[in-house]
């Protein structure tokens, strides 16, 4: 059984000072071909401590590609049999915690120099506190691309707040080749 720590009162006060923002627009998400793109999980990733379902999305297509490529690349051999699908999703939120940039993260105790690392303790505390305070998600900088990620707390959204509007298969080899050409 996981032992639960008390929530950080100063963090709760800092987040409670945020009114939250509404968001309505398109986001991008990549999942395996057989997975429902609107199905979240309690994955214990950057913004969720594993106690509620979240949906990780990105405001830019390339940001979503970079995020997933990073995680797939951490495996000893890049998975060649996985069929990934990139989905465009129309989203509507009502009260999202907006952490606009790295200075906003720093003010909440995140070490911005290591934000791209896989050290998630403080960001998970922020996610837990935001969920506790009734926010429906977090809008925060991507650790992989110069854009924003939208992390959705599925328990706070209605089914009609999410709709897949387009889907396309991802060819990772082709994407890596194009990425390399752009960087040269």
N, C-alpha and C. Protein backbone atom coordinates (compact mmCIF):
# COMPACT_ATOMS: atom_id res chain seq x y z
N UNK A 1 0.84 -1.19 0.00
CA UNK A 1 0.00 0.00 0.00
C UNK A 1 0.88 1.24 0.00
N UNK A 2 0.56 2.18 -0.85
CA UNK A 2 1.33 3.41 -0.95
C UNK A 2 0.94 4.34 0.19
N UNK A 3 1.96 4.84 0.89
CA UNK A 3 1.69 5.77 1.97
C UNK A 3 1.56 7.17 1.40
N UNK A 4 0.51 7.85 1.77
CA UNK A 4 0.21 9.18 1.24
C UNK A 4 0.81 10.25 2.14
N UNK A 5 1.53 11.18 1.54
CA UNK A 5 2.07 12.31 2.29
C UNK A 5 1.05 13.43 2.31
N UNK A 6 1.14 14.25 3.34
CA UNK A 6 0.27 15.42 3.42
C UNK A 6 0.60 16.38 2.28
N UNK A 7 -0.41 17.05 1.78
CA UNK A 7 -0.18 18.02 0.71
C UNK A 7 0.52 19.26 1.27
N UNK A 8 1.34 19.86 0.45
CA UNK A 8 2.11 21.05 0.78
C UNK A 8 1.15 22.25 0.84
N UNK A 9 0.95 22.80 2.04
CA UNK A 9 0.00 23.90 2.24
C UNK A 9 0.40 25.13 1.43
N UNK A 10 1.69 25.44 1.39
CA UNK A 10 2.14 26.61 0.61
C UNK A 10 1.86 26.42 -0.88
N UNK A 11 2.03 25.20 -1.36
CA UNK A 11 1.73 24.91 -2.76
C UNK A 11 0.23 25.05 -3.01
N UNK A 12 -0.59 24.52 -2.11
CA UNK A 12 -2.04 24.65 -2.27
C UNK A 12 -2.44 26.13 -2.32
N UNK A 13 -1.87 26.93 -1.43
CA UNK A 13 -2.18 28.37 -1.43
C UNK A 13 -1.75 29.04 -2.73
N UNK A 14 -0.56 28.69 -3.21
CA UNK A 14 -0.06 29.29 -4.46
C UNK A 14 -0.95 28.93 -5.64
N UNK A 15 -1.36 27.67 -5.73
CA UNK A 15 -2.22 27.25 -6.84
C UNK A 15 -3.63 27.80 -6.70
N UNK A 16 -4.11 27.88 -5.46
CA UNK A 16 -5.46 28.39 -5.22
C UNK A 16 -5.59 29.86 -5.62
N UNK A 17 -4.47 30.57 -5.68
CA UNK A 17 -4.48 31.97 -6.11
C UNK A 17 -4.73 32.09 -7.62
N UNK A 18 -4.59 30.99 -8.35
CA UNK A 18 -4.85 30.98 -9.80
C UNK A 18 -6.34 30.74 -10.04
N UNK A 19 -6.94 31.57 -10.85
CA UNK A 19 -8.36 31.39 -11.17
C UNK A 19 -8.57 30.23 -12.12
N UNK A 20 -7.58 29.94 -12.92
CA UNK A 20 -7.74 28.93 -13.95
C UNK A 20 -8.22 29.59 -15.23
N UNK A 21 -7.92 28.96 -16.35
CA UNK A 21 -8.32 29.49 -17.65
C UNK A 21 -9.16 28.45 -18.38
N UNK A 22 -10.03 28.92 -19.23
CA UNK A 22 -10.76 28.02 -20.12
C UNK A 22 -9.91 27.82 -21.37
N UNK A 23 -9.99 26.65 -21.93
CA UNK A 23 -9.27 26.35 -23.17
C UNK A 23 -10.26 25.70 -24.12
N UNK A 24 -10.26 26.17 -25.36
CA UNK A 24 -11.05 25.51 -26.40
C UNK A 24 -10.22 25.53 -27.67
N UNK A 25 -9.87 24.34 -28.14
CA UNK A 25 -9.05 24.26 -29.33
C UNK A 25 -8.60 22.84 -29.59
N UNK A 26 -7.68 22.71 -30.53
CA UNK A 26 -7.17 21.39 -30.91
C UNK A 26 -5.86 21.08 -30.20
N UNK A 27 -5.71 19.82 -29.85
CA UNK A 27 -4.48 19.31 -29.27
C UNK A 27 -4.09 18.04 -30.02
N UNK A 28 -2.89 17.58 -29.78
CA UNK A 28 -2.37 16.39 -30.46
C UNK A 28 -1.99 15.33 -29.43
N UNK A 29 -2.21 14.08 -29.81
CA UNK A 29 -1.88 12.96 -28.92
C UNK A 29 -1.51 11.75 -29.77
N UNK A 30 -0.47 11.04 -29.37
CA UNK A 30 -0.06 9.82 -30.07
C UNK A 30 -0.25 8.64 -29.14
N UNK A 31 -0.88 7.60 -29.67
CA UNK A 31 -1.05 6.35 -28.92
C UNK A 31 -0.81 5.18 -29.87
N UNK A 32 -0.68 4.00 -29.29
CA UNK A 32 -0.59 2.80 -30.11
C UNK A 32 -1.89 2.62 -30.87
N UNK A 33 -1.80 2.00 -32.03
CA UNK A 33 -2.96 1.87 -32.93
C UNK A 33 -4.16 1.23 -32.25
N UNK A 34 -3.94 0.28 -31.37
CA UNK A 34 -5.05 -0.44 -30.76
C UNK A 34 -5.64 0.27 -29.54
N UNK A 35 -5.09 1.40 -29.15
CA UNK A 35 -5.53 2.09 -27.94
C UNK A 35 -6.49 3.23 -28.27
N UNK A 36 -7.48 3.41 -27.42
CA UNK A 36 -8.42 4.53 -27.54
C UNK A 36 -7.67 5.82 -27.17
N UNK A 37 -7.63 6.76 -28.07
CA UNK A 37 -6.88 8.00 -27.85
C UNK A 37 -7.47 8.87 -26.74
N UNK A 38 -8.72 8.63 -26.38
CA UNK A 38 -9.36 9.42 -25.33
C UNK A 38 -9.35 8.71 -23.98
N UNK A 39 -8.70 7.57 -23.94
CA UNK A 39 -8.58 6.82 -22.68
C UNK A 39 -7.34 7.28 -21.94
N UNK A 40 -7.53 7.77 -20.75
CA UNK A 40 -6.40 8.22 -19.95
C UNK A 40 -5.85 7.09 -19.10
N UNK A 41 -4.93 7.45 -18.26
CA UNK A 41 -4.38 6.48 -17.32
C UNK A 41 -3.76 7.22 -16.15
N UNK A 42 -3.56 6.49 -15.08
CA UNK A 42 -2.87 7.01 -13.90
C UNK A 42 -1.43 6.52 -14.00
N UNK A 43 -0.67 7.13 -14.89
CA UNK A 43 0.62 6.59 -15.32
C UNK A 43 1.82 6.98 -14.46
N UNK A 44 1.62 7.83 -13.46
CA UNK A 44 2.73 8.31 -12.63
C UNK A 44 3.78 9.02 -13.48
N UNK A 45 3.33 9.77 -14.46
CA UNK A 45 4.23 10.52 -15.32
C UNK A 45 4.46 11.92 -14.72
N UNK A 46 4.88 12.87 -15.53
CA UNK A 46 5.32 14.16 -15.02
C UNK A 46 4.28 14.87 -14.13
N UNK A 47 3.02 14.88 -14.52
CA UNK A 47 2.03 15.69 -13.81
C UNK A 47 1.00 14.88 -13.05
N UNK A 48 1.12 13.57 -12.98
CA UNK A 48 0.14 12.79 -12.21
C UNK A 48 0.84 11.82 -11.28
N UNK A 49 0.41 11.80 -10.02
CA UNK A 49 1.04 10.92 -9.04
C UNK A 49 0.54 9.48 -9.12
N UNK A 50 -0.36 9.20 -10.04
CA UNK A 50 -0.87 7.84 -10.19
C UNK A 50 -2.18 7.59 -9.47
N UNK A 51 -2.82 8.65 -8.99
CA UNK A 51 -4.05 8.47 -8.22
C UNK A 51 -5.31 8.93 -8.98
N UNK A 52 -5.16 9.42 -10.20
CA UNK A 52 -6.30 9.81 -11.03
C UNK A 52 -5.88 9.71 -12.49
N UNK A 53 -6.87 9.56 -13.37
CA UNK A 53 -6.59 9.40 -14.80
C UNK A 53 -6.33 10.74 -15.47
N UNK A 54 -5.28 10.77 -16.26
CA UNK A 54 -4.94 11.97 -17.03
C UNK A 54 -4.79 11.60 -18.50
N UNK A 55 -4.89 12.61 -19.32
CA UNK A 55 -4.67 12.47 -20.75
C UNK A 55 -3.60 13.50 -21.11
N UNK A 56 -2.45 13.02 -21.54
CA UNK A 56 -1.36 13.92 -21.94
C UNK A 56 -1.53 14.30 -23.40
N UNK A 57 -1.58 15.60 -23.68
CA UNK A 57 -1.73 16.10 -25.04
C UNK A 57 -0.77 17.26 -25.24
N UNK A 58 -0.64 17.69 -26.47
CA UNK A 58 0.26 18.78 -26.82
C UNK A 58 -0.46 19.75 -27.75
N UNK A 59 -0.18 21.03 -27.60
CA UNK A 59 -0.83 22.02 -28.45
C UNK A 59 -0.25 22.06 -29.86
N UNK A 60 0.92 21.46 -30.06
CA UNK A 60 1.51 21.43 -31.39
C UNK A 60 1.80 19.99 -31.81
N UNK A 61 1.56 19.72 -33.07
CA UNK A 61 1.79 18.38 -33.64
C UNK A 61 3.22 17.92 -33.39
N UNK A 62 4.18 18.78 -33.70
CA UNK A 62 5.59 18.41 -33.56
C UNK A 62 5.96 18.17 -32.10
N UNK A 63 5.34 18.89 -31.21
CA UNK A 63 5.57 18.67 -29.79
C UNK A 63 5.14 17.27 -29.36
N UNK A 64 3.99 16.83 -29.85
CA UNK A 64 3.51 15.47 -29.54
C UNK A 64 4.47 14.43 -30.09
N UNK A 65 4.96 14.66 -31.31
CA UNK A 65 5.91 13.73 -31.92
C UNK A 65 7.19 13.64 -31.08
N UNK A 66 7.73 14.77 -30.68
CA UNK A 66 8.96 14.79 -29.89
C UNK A 66 8.77 14.11 -28.53
N UNK A 67 7.63 14.38 -27.90
CA UNK A 67 7.37 13.78 -26.58
C UNK A 67 7.38 12.25 -26.65
N UNK A 68 6.63 11.70 -27.57
CA UNK A 68 6.53 10.23 -27.66
C UNK A 68 7.83 9.63 -28.17
N UNK A 69 8.46 10.27 -29.14
CA UNK A 69 9.73 9.77 -29.65
C UNK A 69 10.76 9.68 -28.53
N UNK A 70 10.80 10.67 -27.66
CA UNK A 70 11.73 10.65 -26.53
C UNK A 70 11.53 9.38 -25.70
N UNK A 71 10.28 9.08 -25.37
CA UNK A 71 10.01 7.92 -24.51
C UNK A 71 10.28 6.61 -25.23
N UNK A 72 9.92 6.52 -26.49
CA UNK A 72 10.21 5.30 -27.25
C UNK A 72 11.72 5.10 -27.41
N UNK A 73 12.46 6.18 -27.55
CA UNK A 73 13.91 6.11 -27.74
C UNK A 73 14.65 5.67 -26.49
N UNK A 74 14.02 5.69 -25.35
CA UNK A 74 14.66 5.26 -24.11
C UNK A 74 14.77 3.74 -24.02
N UNK A 75 14.08 3.04 -24.88
CA UNK A 75 14.15 1.58 -24.88
C UNK A 75 15.47 1.15 -25.52
N UNK A 76 15.98 -0.03 -25.14
CA UNK A 76 17.27 -0.49 -25.67
C UNK A 76 17.31 -0.51 -27.20
N UNK A 77 16.21 -0.88 -27.82
CA UNK A 77 16.08 -0.87 -29.27
C UNK A 77 14.76 -0.16 -29.58
N UNK A 78 14.82 0.80 -30.51
CA UNK A 78 13.60 1.52 -30.84
C UNK A 78 12.56 0.53 -31.36
N UNK A 79 11.36 0.51 -30.79
CA UNK A 79 10.35 -0.48 -31.18
C UNK A 79 9.89 -0.30 -32.63
N UNK A 80 10.19 -1.28 -33.45
CA UNK A 80 9.85 -1.19 -34.87
C UNK A 80 8.49 -1.77 -35.20
N UNK A 81 7.93 -2.56 -34.32
CA UNK A 81 6.64 -3.21 -34.60
C UNK A 81 5.45 -2.41 -34.09
N UNK A 82 5.71 -1.45 -33.24
CA UNK A 82 4.62 -0.64 -32.70
C UNK A 82 4.04 0.24 -33.80
N UNK A 83 2.74 0.22 -33.91
CA UNK A 83 2.05 1.11 -34.85
C UNK A 83 1.44 2.25 -34.04
N UNK A 84 1.99 3.42 -34.25
CA UNK A 84 1.52 4.61 -33.54
C UNK A 84 0.57 5.40 -34.43
N UNK A 85 -0.38 6.06 -33.78
CA UNK A 85 -1.34 6.90 -34.50
C UNK A 85 -1.35 8.28 -33.84
N UNK A 86 -1.24 9.30 -34.67
CA UNK A 86 -1.32 10.68 -34.21
C UNK A 86 -2.76 11.14 -34.35
N UNK A 87 -3.32 11.63 -33.26
CA UNK A 87 -4.72 12.08 -33.25
C UNK A 87 -4.79 13.58 -32.99
N UNK A 88 -5.65 14.24 -33.72
CA UNK A 88 -6.01 15.63 -33.44
C UNK A 88 -7.31 15.56 -32.65
N UNK A 89 -7.33 16.23 -31.51
CA UNK A 89 -8.47 16.15 -30.61
C UNK A 89 -8.98 17.55 -30.30
N UNK A 90 -10.26 17.76 -30.48
CA UNK A 90 -10.90 19.02 -30.08
C UNK A 90 -11.18 18.91 -28.58
N UNK A 91 -10.77 19.93 -27.84
CA UNK A 91 -10.87 19.91 -26.38
C UNK A 91 -11.54 21.19 -25.89
N UNK A 92 -12.33 21.03 -24.84
CA UNK A 92 -12.88 22.19 -24.14
C UNK A 92 -12.68 21.99 -22.64
N UNK A 93 -12.01 22.96 -22.01
CA UNK A 93 -11.86 22.93 -20.56
C UNK A 93 -12.50 24.19 -19.99
N UNK A 94 -12.69 24.19 -18.70
CA UNK A 94 -13.32 25.33 -18.06
C UNK A 94 -12.42 26.01 -17.03
N UNK A 95 -11.60 25.20 -16.35
CA UNK A 95 -10.75 25.75 -15.28
C UNK A 95 -9.41 25.01 -15.27
N UNK A 96 -8.54 25.42 -16.15
CA UNK A 96 -7.24 24.78 -16.31
C UNK A 96 -6.16 25.64 -15.65
N UNK A 97 -5.29 25.00 -14.90
CA UNK A 97 -4.16 25.70 -14.28
C UNK A 97 -3.15 26.02 -15.37
N UNK A 98 -2.89 27.30 -15.59
CA UNK A 98 -1.94 27.70 -16.63
C UNK A 98 -0.60 28.06 -16.00
N UNK A 99 0.39 27.24 -16.33
CA UNK A 99 1.78 27.50 -15.94
C UNK A 99 2.49 27.87 -17.24
N UNK A 100 2.53 29.16 -17.52
CA UNK A 100 2.86 29.65 -18.86
C UNK A 100 4.29 29.37 -19.32
N UNK A 101 5.23 29.36 -18.38
CA UNK A 101 6.63 29.23 -18.81
C UNK A 101 7.47 28.64 -17.68
N UNK A 102 8.76 28.52 -17.95
CA UNK A 102 9.65 27.92 -16.96
C UNK A 102 9.74 28.74 -15.68
N UNK A 103 9.59 30.06 -15.77
CA UNK A 103 9.63 30.86 -14.54
C UNK A 103 8.43 30.56 -13.65
N UNK A 104 7.28 30.27 -14.25
CA UNK A 104 6.11 29.87 -13.45
C UNK A 104 6.36 28.53 -12.77
N UNK A 105 7.04 27.63 -13.46
CA UNK A 105 7.39 26.33 -12.85
C UNK A 105 8.39 26.53 -11.72
N UNK A 106 9.37 27.37 -11.95
CA UNK A 106 10.39 27.63 -10.94
C UNK A 106 9.77 28.21 -9.67
N UNK A 107 8.80 29.10 -9.82
CA UNK A 107 8.13 29.71 -8.67
C UNK A 107 7.41 28.67 -7.82
N UNK A 108 7.10 27.52 -8.42
CA UNK A 108 6.41 26.45 -7.69
C UNK A 108 7.38 25.37 -7.21
N UNK A 109 8.67 25.61 -7.37
CA UNK A 109 9.66 24.69 -6.83
C UNK A 109 10.20 23.65 -7.79
N UNK A 110 9.95 23.81 -9.08
CA UNK A 110 10.51 22.88 -10.06
C UNK A 110 11.88 23.41 -10.50
N UNK A 111 12.87 22.54 -10.47
CA UNK A 111 14.21 22.90 -10.93
C UNK A 111 14.20 22.94 -12.45
N UNK A 112 14.17 24.13 -13.01
CA UNK A 112 13.99 24.25 -14.46
C UNK A 112 15.19 23.73 -15.25
N UNK A 113 16.38 23.74 -14.65
CA UNK A 113 17.55 23.24 -15.36
C UNK A 113 17.48 21.74 -15.60
N UNK A 114 16.64 21.05 -14.84
CA UNK A 114 16.49 19.60 -15.03
C UNK A 114 15.06 19.23 -15.40
N UNK A 115 14.30 20.19 -15.92
CA UNK A 115 12.90 19.95 -16.26
C UNK A 115 12.73 18.83 -17.27
N UNK A 116 13.66 18.67 -18.18
CA UNK A 116 13.58 17.62 -19.19
C UNK A 116 13.95 16.24 -18.67
N UNK A 117 14.47 16.18 -17.45
CA UNK A 117 14.83 14.89 -16.86
C UNK A 117 13.58 14.13 -16.44
N UNK A 118 13.77 12.93 -15.99
CA UNK A 118 12.65 12.08 -15.58
C UNK A 118 12.44 12.14 -14.07
N UNK A 119 12.72 13.28 -13.48
CA UNK A 119 12.51 13.50 -12.05
C UNK A 119 11.18 14.23 -11.90
N UNK A 120 10.18 13.52 -11.40
CA UNK A 120 8.82 14.05 -11.44
C UNK A 120 8.21 14.38 -10.07
N UNK A 121 8.95 14.23 -8.99
CA UNK A 121 8.34 14.36 -7.67
C UNK A 121 7.58 15.68 -7.49
N UNK A 122 8.23 16.81 -7.76
CA UNK A 122 7.57 18.10 -7.53
C UNK A 122 6.43 18.33 -8.51
N UNK A 123 6.63 17.99 -9.78
CA UNK A 123 5.54 18.21 -10.74
C UNK A 123 4.35 17.31 -10.42
N UNK A 124 4.59 16.11 -9.89
CA UNK A 124 3.48 15.25 -9.47
C UNK A 124 2.75 15.86 -8.28
N UNK A 125 3.50 16.48 -7.37
CA UNK A 125 2.86 17.17 -6.24
C UNK A 125 1.97 18.31 -6.75
N UNK A 126 2.45 19.02 -7.76
CA UNK A 126 1.66 20.12 -8.34
C UNK A 126 0.41 19.56 -9.01
N UNK A 127 0.56 18.49 -9.77
CA UNK A 127 -0.60 17.86 -10.41
C UNK A 127 -1.62 17.39 -9.39
N UNK A 128 -1.15 16.76 -8.33
CA UNK A 128 -2.05 16.28 -7.28
C UNK A 128 -2.78 17.45 -6.62
N UNK A 129 -2.05 18.52 -6.32
CA UNK A 129 -2.66 19.69 -5.69
C UNK A 129 -3.67 20.35 -6.63
N UNK A 130 -3.33 20.45 -7.91
CA UNK A 130 -4.26 21.04 -8.88
C UNK A 130 -5.54 20.22 -8.98
N UNK A 131 -5.40 18.90 -9.01
CA UNK A 131 -6.58 18.03 -9.05
C UNK A 131 -7.41 18.22 -7.78
N UNK A 132 -6.75 18.23 -6.63
CA UNK A 132 -7.42 18.41 -5.34
C UNK A 132 -8.21 19.72 -5.30
N UNK A 133 -7.65 20.76 -5.90
CA UNK A 133 -8.29 22.08 -5.89
C UNK A 133 -9.38 22.23 -6.95
N UNK A 134 -9.61 21.20 -7.75
CA UNK A 134 -10.72 21.23 -8.70
C UNK A 134 -10.37 21.71 -10.10
N UNK A 135 -9.10 21.91 -10.39
CA UNK A 135 -8.73 22.25 -11.77
C UNK A 135 -9.04 21.06 -12.66
N UNK A 136 -9.29 21.33 -13.96
CA UNK A 136 -9.59 20.23 -14.89
C UNK A 136 -8.39 19.84 -15.74
N UNK A 137 -7.27 20.47 -15.48
CA UNK A 137 -6.05 20.13 -16.19
C UNK A 137 -4.96 21.14 -15.92
N UNK A 138 -3.84 20.93 -16.58
CA UNK A 138 -2.69 21.83 -16.46
C UNK A 138 -2.18 22.14 -17.86
N UNK A 139 -1.96 23.40 -18.11
CA UNK A 139 -1.33 23.87 -19.34
C UNK A 139 0.09 24.27 -18.94
N UNK A 140 1.09 23.53 -19.44
CA UNK A 140 2.47 23.73 -18.99
C UNK A 140 3.44 23.56 -20.15
N UNK A 141 4.63 24.12 -20.02
CA UNK A 141 5.62 23.97 -21.09
C UNK A 141 5.98 22.50 -21.34
N UNK A 142 6.16 22.17 -22.59
CA UNK A 142 6.66 20.85 -22.96
C UNK A 142 8.13 20.78 -22.57
N UNK A 143 8.56 19.62 -22.13
CA UNK A 143 9.98 19.41 -21.83
C UNK A 143 10.77 19.05 -23.07
N UNK A 144 10.09 18.82 -24.19
CA UNK A 144 10.75 18.31 -25.39
C UNK A 144 10.70 19.24 -26.60
N UNK A 145 9.80 20.23 -26.58
CA UNK A 145 9.60 21.07 -27.76
C UNK A 145 9.13 22.44 -27.27
N UNK A 146 9.45 23.53 -27.97
CA UNK A 146 9.03 24.86 -27.51
C UNK A 146 7.54 25.10 -27.76
N UNK A 147 6.73 24.51 -26.92
CA UNK A 147 5.28 24.66 -27.01
C UNK A 147 4.68 24.28 -25.66
N UNK A 148 3.38 24.28 -25.60
CA UNK A 148 2.66 23.93 -24.37
C UNK A 148 2.05 22.54 -24.48
N UNK A 149 2.05 21.85 -23.36
CA UNK A 149 1.30 20.60 -23.23
C UNK A 149 0.04 20.89 -22.44
N UNK A 150 -1.02 20.18 -22.76
CA UNK A 150 -2.26 20.27 -22.00
C UNK A 150 -2.49 18.91 -21.38
N UNK A 151 -2.41 18.85 -20.07
CA UNK A 151 -2.61 17.62 -19.34
C UNK A 151 -4.03 17.68 -18.77
N UNK A 152 -4.87 16.77 -19.20
CA UNK A 152 -6.29 16.81 -18.84
C UNK A 152 -6.60 15.83 -17.72
N UNK A 153 -7.34 16.29 -16.72
CA UNK A 153 -7.81 15.44 -15.64
C UNK A 153 -9.19 14.92 -16.04
N UNK A 154 -9.25 13.68 -16.45
CA UNK A 154 -10.47 13.16 -17.08
C UNK A 154 -11.68 13.15 -16.15
N UNK A 155 -11.47 13.01 -14.85
CA UNK A 155 -12.61 13.03 -13.93
C UNK A 155 -13.29 14.40 -13.88
N UNK A 156 -12.63 15.41 -14.38
CA UNK A 156 -13.16 16.78 -14.33
C UNK A 156 -13.81 17.22 -15.64
N UNK A 157 -13.78 16.36 -16.65
CA UNK A 157 -14.32 16.71 -17.97
C UNK A 157 -15.56 15.88 -18.28
N UNK A 158 -16.39 16.41 -19.14
CA UNK A 158 -17.56 15.69 -19.64
C UNK A 158 -17.18 15.00 -20.95
N UNK A 159 -17.85 13.91 -21.30
CA UNK A 159 -17.53 13.22 -22.56
C UNK A 159 -17.57 14.14 -23.78
N UNK A 160 -18.48 15.09 -23.80
CA UNK A 160 -18.59 15.99 -24.96
C UNK A 160 -17.46 17.03 -25.01
N UNK A 161 -16.61 17.08 -24.00
CA UNK A 161 -15.49 18.02 -23.99
C UNK A 161 -14.32 17.54 -24.84
N UNK A 162 -14.37 16.29 -25.30
CA UNK A 162 -13.28 15.70 -26.08
C UNK A 162 -13.83 15.04 -27.33
N UNK A 163 -13.22 15.30 -28.48
CA UNK A 163 -13.64 14.64 -29.72
C UNK A 163 -12.45 14.51 -30.66
N UNK A 164 -12.22 13.31 -31.15
CA UNK A 164 -11.16 13.10 -32.14
C UNK A 164 -11.65 13.67 -33.46
N UNK A 165 -10.86 14.55 -34.06
CA UNK A 165 -11.26 15.17 -35.32
C UNK A 165 -10.45 14.67 -36.51
N UNK A 166 -9.30 14.08 -36.26
CA UNK A 166 -8.47 13.53 -37.34
C UNK A 166 -7.46 12.55 -36.74
N UNK A 167 -7.07 11.58 -37.54
CA UNK A 167 -6.08 10.59 -37.12
C UNK A 167 -5.22 10.22 -38.31
N UNK A 168 -3.95 9.96 -38.05
CA UNK A 168 -3.05 9.52 -39.12
C UNK A 168 -1.97 8.62 -38.53
N UNK A 169 -1.56 7.61 -39.28
CA UNK A 169 -0.50 6.73 -38.79
C UNK A 169 0.83 7.49 -38.74
N UNK A 170 1.68 7.09 -37.80
CA UNK A 170 3.00 7.69 -37.67
C UNK A 170 4.04 6.73 -38.24
N UNK A 171 4.83 7.23 -39.16
CA UNK A 171 5.97 6.48 -39.69
C UNK A 171 7.21 7.06 -39.01
N UNK A 172 7.68 6.40 -37.95
CA UNK A 172 8.79 6.93 -37.16
C UNK A 172 10.07 7.06 -37.97
N UNK A 173 10.34 6.13 -38.86
CA UNK A 173 11.56 6.22 -39.68
C UNK A 173 11.52 7.47 -40.56
N UNK A 174 10.41 7.68 -41.22
CA UNK A 174 10.26 8.86 -42.07
C UNK A 174 10.36 10.14 -41.24
N UNK A 175 9.72 10.16 -40.09
CA UNK A 175 9.75 11.34 -39.23
C UNK A 175 11.17 11.65 -38.77
N UNK A 176 11.91 10.62 -38.36
CA UNK A 176 13.29 10.84 -37.92
C UNK A 176 14.16 11.38 -39.06
N UNK A 177 13.95 10.87 -40.26
CA UNK A 177 14.71 11.35 -41.42
C UNK A 177 14.40 12.83 -41.67
N UNK A 178 13.13 13.19 -41.67
CA UNK A 178 12.73 14.59 -41.89
C UNK A 178 13.25 15.49 -40.76
N UNK A 179 13.21 14.99 -39.56
CA UNK A 179 13.70 15.74 -38.40
C UNK A 179 15.19 16.03 -38.55
N UNK A 180 15.93 15.02 -38.96
CA UNK A 180 17.38 15.17 -39.15
C UNK A 180 17.67 16.19 -40.25
N UNK A 181 16.92 16.13 -41.34
CA UNK A 181 17.11 17.08 -42.45
C UNK A 181 16.82 18.52 -42.00
N UNK A 182 15.80 18.71 -41.18
CA UNK A 182 15.45 20.05 -40.69
C UNK A 182 16.55 20.60 -39.79
N UNK A 183 17.19 19.73 -39.04
CA UNK A 183 18.22 20.17 -38.10
C UNK A 183 19.55 20.47 -38.78
N UNK A 184 19.76 19.92 -39.96
CA UNK A 184 21.03 20.15 -40.69
C UNK A 184 20.99 21.40 -41.52
